[in-house]
Amino acid sequence: LVDALNLIKSFAVVKDPNESTSANKVSAVKLLSSIKYLVFLAEGGHLFDAALGVCDFNMCKVIARQCQMDPKAYMALLESFESISKGCPMEESSAAYCLMHVKVNLHLKRHQSSIEWGVKMLYALVNYAESYEVEQRFLLVWKELLGVCDEKKELHSLATPLLNGLELRYSKTCPSPSVRNSVKSIISDYRLLFAKSSVLT
């Protein structure tokens, strides 16, 4: 479904020969007509979740309106996710952008993706300037992720090597004591929680 939505979005792009590629705009008419067709082929809720999974909130709204979903059921949810990275770069180097993906994947119960984005978030924090202070929201979400790992033991084999690799990275390159201590605390909590697991080294 994600591939289908990406194809629709690329089809709806209106290219301006006088502008750069980044300035190209999406035709609302083309997008809506394509979504109308796709709704006949797939269940609206699945389409909405597919768009949500890649944090394409505008696409979510188009799908929701086409499927006549109650705005009360999705607008507050989308706004809560959008607000997480508001004003931040929409790329993996932004901890807030990664946090947004963590929250979305936790909501969708895509546990593997939530762990992967959680580690990307820590990498982004490690790469911040020395003066950067770790916001509490980045630490709190890892408490949620630890709970997911505790419930889904199969995630150990994914989380352990990712966190081990992060530990090697931050111990050598991170200039901020605040970030180093926060990441060290997260990894220590993870190892303590799963000290009896055979996958931990």
Protein backbone atom coordinates (compact mmCIF):
# COMPACT_ATOMS: atom_id res chain seq x y z
CA LEU A 1 0.00 0.00 0.00
CA VAL A 2 2.84 2.40 0.75
CA ASP A 3 4.27 1.81 -2.73
CA ALA A 4 0.83 2.48 -4.24
CA LEU A 5 0.50 5.74 -2.31
CA ASN A 6 3.99 6.85 -3.37
CA LEU A 7 3.12 6.10 -6.99
CA ILE A 8 -0.08 8.13 -6.70
CA LYS A 9 1.81 11.02 -5.14
CA SER A 10 4.43 11.00 -7.89
CA PHE A 11 1.66 10.92 -10.51
CA ALA A 12 0.00 13.93 -8.91
CA VAL A 13 3.14 16.08 -8.94
CA VAL A 14 2.87 19.08 -11.23
CA LYS A 15 6.30 20.03 -12.53
CA ASP A 16 7.12 23.66 -13.16
CA PRO A 17 9.87 23.94 -15.80
CA ASN A 18 10.91 27.28 -14.36
CA GLU A 19 11.34 25.97 -10.81
CA SER A 20 13.61 23.48 -9.08
CA THR A 21 12.41 19.95 -8.32
CA SER A 22 11.88 20.86 -4.66
CA ALA A 23 9.43 23.56 -5.75
CA ASN A 24 7.17 21.14 -7.59
CA LYS A 25 3.63 20.99 -6.20
CA VAL A 26 1.11 18.18 -5.82
CA SER A 27 -2.12 18.60 -7.78
CA ALA A 28 -5.03 18.17 -5.38
CA VAL A 29 -7.31 17.18 -8.25
CA LYS A 30 -5.00 14.43 -9.51
CA LEU A 31 -4.33 13.21 -5.98
CA LEU A 32 -8.02 13.03 -5.09
CA SER A 33 -8.98 11.21 -8.28
CA SER A 34 -6.27 8.63 -7.70
CA ILE A 35 -7.27 8.13 -4.07
CA LYS A 36 -10.88 7.64 -5.13
CA TYR A 37 -9.78 4.79 -7.37
CA LEU A 38 -7.53 3.24 -4.72
CA VAL A 39 -10.31 3.27 -2.13
CA PHE A 40 -12.22 0.84 -4.33
CA LEU A 41 -9.27 -1.56 -4.19
CA ALA A 42 -8.29 -1.36 -0.53
CA GLU A 43 -9.99 -0.73 2.80
CA GLY A 44 -9.86 2.91 3.85
CA GLY A 45 -8.48 2.23 7.30
CA HIS A 46 -5.58 0.28 5.84
CA LEU A 47 -4.81 3.11 3.43
CA PHE A 48 -4.91 5.62 6.26
CA ASP A 49 -2.50 3.52 8.35
CA ALA A 50 -0.17 3.08 5.37
CA ALA A 51 0.08 6.85 4.92
CA LEU A 52 0.39 7.36 8.66
CA GLY A 53 3.22 4.82 8.85
CA VAL A 54 5.40 7.02 6.65
CA CYS A 55 4.20 10.19 8.41
CA ASP A 56 2.52 11.60 5.31
CA PHE A 57 -0.13 13.48 7.25
CA ASN A 58 -1.49 15.38 4.26
CA MET A 59 -2.13 12.09 2.49
CA CYS A 60 -3.81 10.81 5.66
CA LYS A 61 -6.22 13.75 5.58
CA VAL A 62 -7.06 13.23 1.91
CA ILE A 63 -7.75 9.54 2.49
CA ALA A 64 -9.78 10.22 5.62
CA ARG A 65 -11.99 12.75 3.83
CA GLN A 66 -12.47 10.47 0.85
CA CYS A 67 -13.45 7.60 3.15
CA GLN A 68 -15.78 9.93 5.08
CA MET A 69 -13.98 9.29 8.35
CA ASP A 70 -15.11 11.35 11.33
CA PRO A 71 -12.64 14.25 11.78
CA LYS A 72 -12.92 13.76 15.52
CA ALA A 73 -11.41 10.31 15.04
CA TYR A 74 -8.25 11.44 13.26
CA MET A 75 -7.58 15.20 13.31
CA ALA A 76 -6.43 15.39 16.94
CA LEU A 77 -4.28 12.31 16.40
CA LEU A 78 -2.57 13.73 13.31
CA GLU A 79 -2.06 17.12 14.95
CA SER A 80 -0.43 15.46 17.96
CA PHE A 81 2.08 13.70 15.70
CA GLU A 82 2.72 16.77 13.53
CA SER A 83 3.44 18.92 16.58
CA ILE A 84 6.31 16.67 17.69
CA SER A 85 8.65 17.79 14.90
CA LYS A 86 7.15 21.22 14.18
CA GLY A 87 9.86 23.64 13.12
CA CYS A 88 12.50 20.89 12.89
CA PRO A 89 14.25 19.47 9.81
CA MET A 90 12.28 16.59 8.29
CA GLU A 91 15.23 14.22 8.19
CA GLU A 92 16.83 11.48 10.27
CA SER A 93 19.47 13.87 11.64
CA SER A 94 16.68 15.52 13.65
CA ALA A 95 15.89 13.82 16.95
CA ALA A 96 12.39 15.32 16.92
CA TYR A 97 11.71 13.90 13.45
CA CYS A 98 12.82 10.45 14.67
CA LEU A 99 10.70 10.81 17.80
CA MET A 100 7.68 11.51 15.60
CA HIS A 101 8.28 8.22 13.77
CA VAL A 102 8.69 6.38 17.07
CA LYS A 103 5.35 7.67 18.32
CA VAL A 104 3.57 6.84 15.06
CA ASN A 105 4.95 3.30 15.00
CA LEU A 106 4.07 2.76 18.66
CA HIS A 107 0.52 3.86 17.84
CA LEU A 108 0.38 1.43 14.91
CA LYS A 109 1.96 -1.31 17.06
CA ARG A 110 4.79 -1.70 14.57
CA HIS A 111 7.23 -2.65 17.27
CA GLN A 112 10.29 -3.39 15.16
CA SER A 113 10.07 -0.04 13.39
CA SER A 114 9.54 1.79 16.68
CA ILE A 115 12.78 0.31 18.07
CA GLU A 116 14.70 1.15 14.89
CA TRP A 117 13.48 4.76 14.94
CA GLY A 118 14.19 4.95 18.67
CA VAL A 119 17.84 4.09 18.06
CA LYS A 120 17.98 6.57 15.16
CA MET A 121 16.68 9.17 17.58
CA LEU A 122 19.54 8.42 19.99
CA TYR A 123 22.05 8.66 17.15
CA ALA A 124 20.61 12.07 16.28
CA LEU A 125 21.02 13.17 19.90
CA VAL A 126 24.61 11.94 19.95
CA ASN A 127 25.40 14.11 16.94
CA TYR A 128 24.07 17.35 18.49
CA ALA A 129 26.29 20.21 19.58
CA GLU A 130 27.98 20.21 22.96
CA SER A 131 25.52 22.71 24.45
CA TYR A 132 22.50 20.53 23.61
CA GLU A 133 20.47 19.35 26.57
CA VAL A 134 18.43 16.17 26.26
CA GLU A 135 14.74 16.97 26.44
CA GLN A 136 12.68 14.82 28.75
CA ARG A 137 10.40 13.68 25.93
CA PHE A 138 13.28 11.79 24.29
CA LEU A 139 13.99 9.92 27.51
CA LEU A 140 10.36 9.17 28.30
CA VAL A 141 9.72 7.50 24.95
CA TRP A 142 12.51 5.04 25.68
CA LYS A 143 10.63 3.96 28.78
CA GLU A 144 7.80 3.04 26.41
CA LEU A 145 10.22 1.21 24.13
CA LEU A 146 11.68 -0.72 27.06
CA GLY A 147 8.16 -1.79 27.92
CA VAL A 148 7.65 -2.99 24.35
CA CYS A 149 10.89 -4.99 24.50
CA ASP A 150 9.86 -6.46 27.84
CA GLU A 151 6.56 -7.61 26.33
CA LYS A 152 7.96 -8.73 22.97
CA LYS A 153 11.05 -10.80 23.82
CA GLU A 154 11.77 -11.42 20.15
CA LEU A 155 12.81 -7.78 19.84
CA HIS A 156 15.98 -8.46 21.85
CA SER A 157 17.79 -9.72 18.78
CA LEU A 158 17.04 -6.41 17.05
CA ALA A 159 17.55 -3.96 19.91
CA THR A 160 20.74 -5.41 21.39
CA PRO A 161 23.10 -5.01 18.40
CA LEU A 162 21.63 -1.60 17.58
CA LEU A 163 22.25 -0.33 21.11
CA ASN A 164 25.70 -1.95 21.25
CA GLY A 165 26.64 -0.12 18.06
CA LEU A 166 25.31 3.12 19.49
CA GLU A 167 27.37 2.65 22.65
CA LEU A 168 30.55 2.36 20.60
CA ARG A 169 29.62 5.51 18.72
CA TYR A 170 28.67 7.81 21.59
CA SER A 171 31.58 6.79 23.82
CA LYS A 172 34.03 7.99 21.15
CA THR A 173 32.37 10.90 19.39
CA CYS A 174 29.68 12.52 21.54
CA PRO A 175 30.95 15.88 22.89
CA SER A 176 28.07 16.49 25.29
CA PRO A 177 28.28 15.04 28.84
CA SER A 178 24.52 15.45 29.18
CA VAL A 179 23.82 13.39 26.07
CA ARG A 180 26.47 10.78 26.96
CA ASN A 181 24.99 10.28 30.41
CA SER A 182 21.44 10.05 29.05
CA VAL A 183 22.35 7.47 26.41
CA LYS A 184 24.43 5.52 28.92
CA SER A 185 21.45 5.46 31.29
CA ILE A 186 19.12 4.15 28.56
CA ILE A 187 21.52 1.36 27.59
CA SER A 188 22.13 0.46 31.24
CA ASP A 189 18.40 0.27 31.89
CA TYR A 190 17.99 -1.96 28.84
CA ARG A 191 20.74 -4.35 29.94
CA LEU A 192 19.53 -4.42 33.53
CA LEU A 193 15.97 -5.19 32.47
CA PHE A 194 17.05 -8.08 30.27
CA ALA A 195 20.12 -9.27 32.17
CA LYS A 196 18.79 -12.84 32.19
CA SER A 197 18.17 -12.93 28.46
CA SER A 198 20.47 -15.23 26.51
CA VAL A 199 20.79 -12.73 23.66
CA LEU A 200 22.55 -10.12 25.77
CA THR A 201 26.31 -10.09 25.80
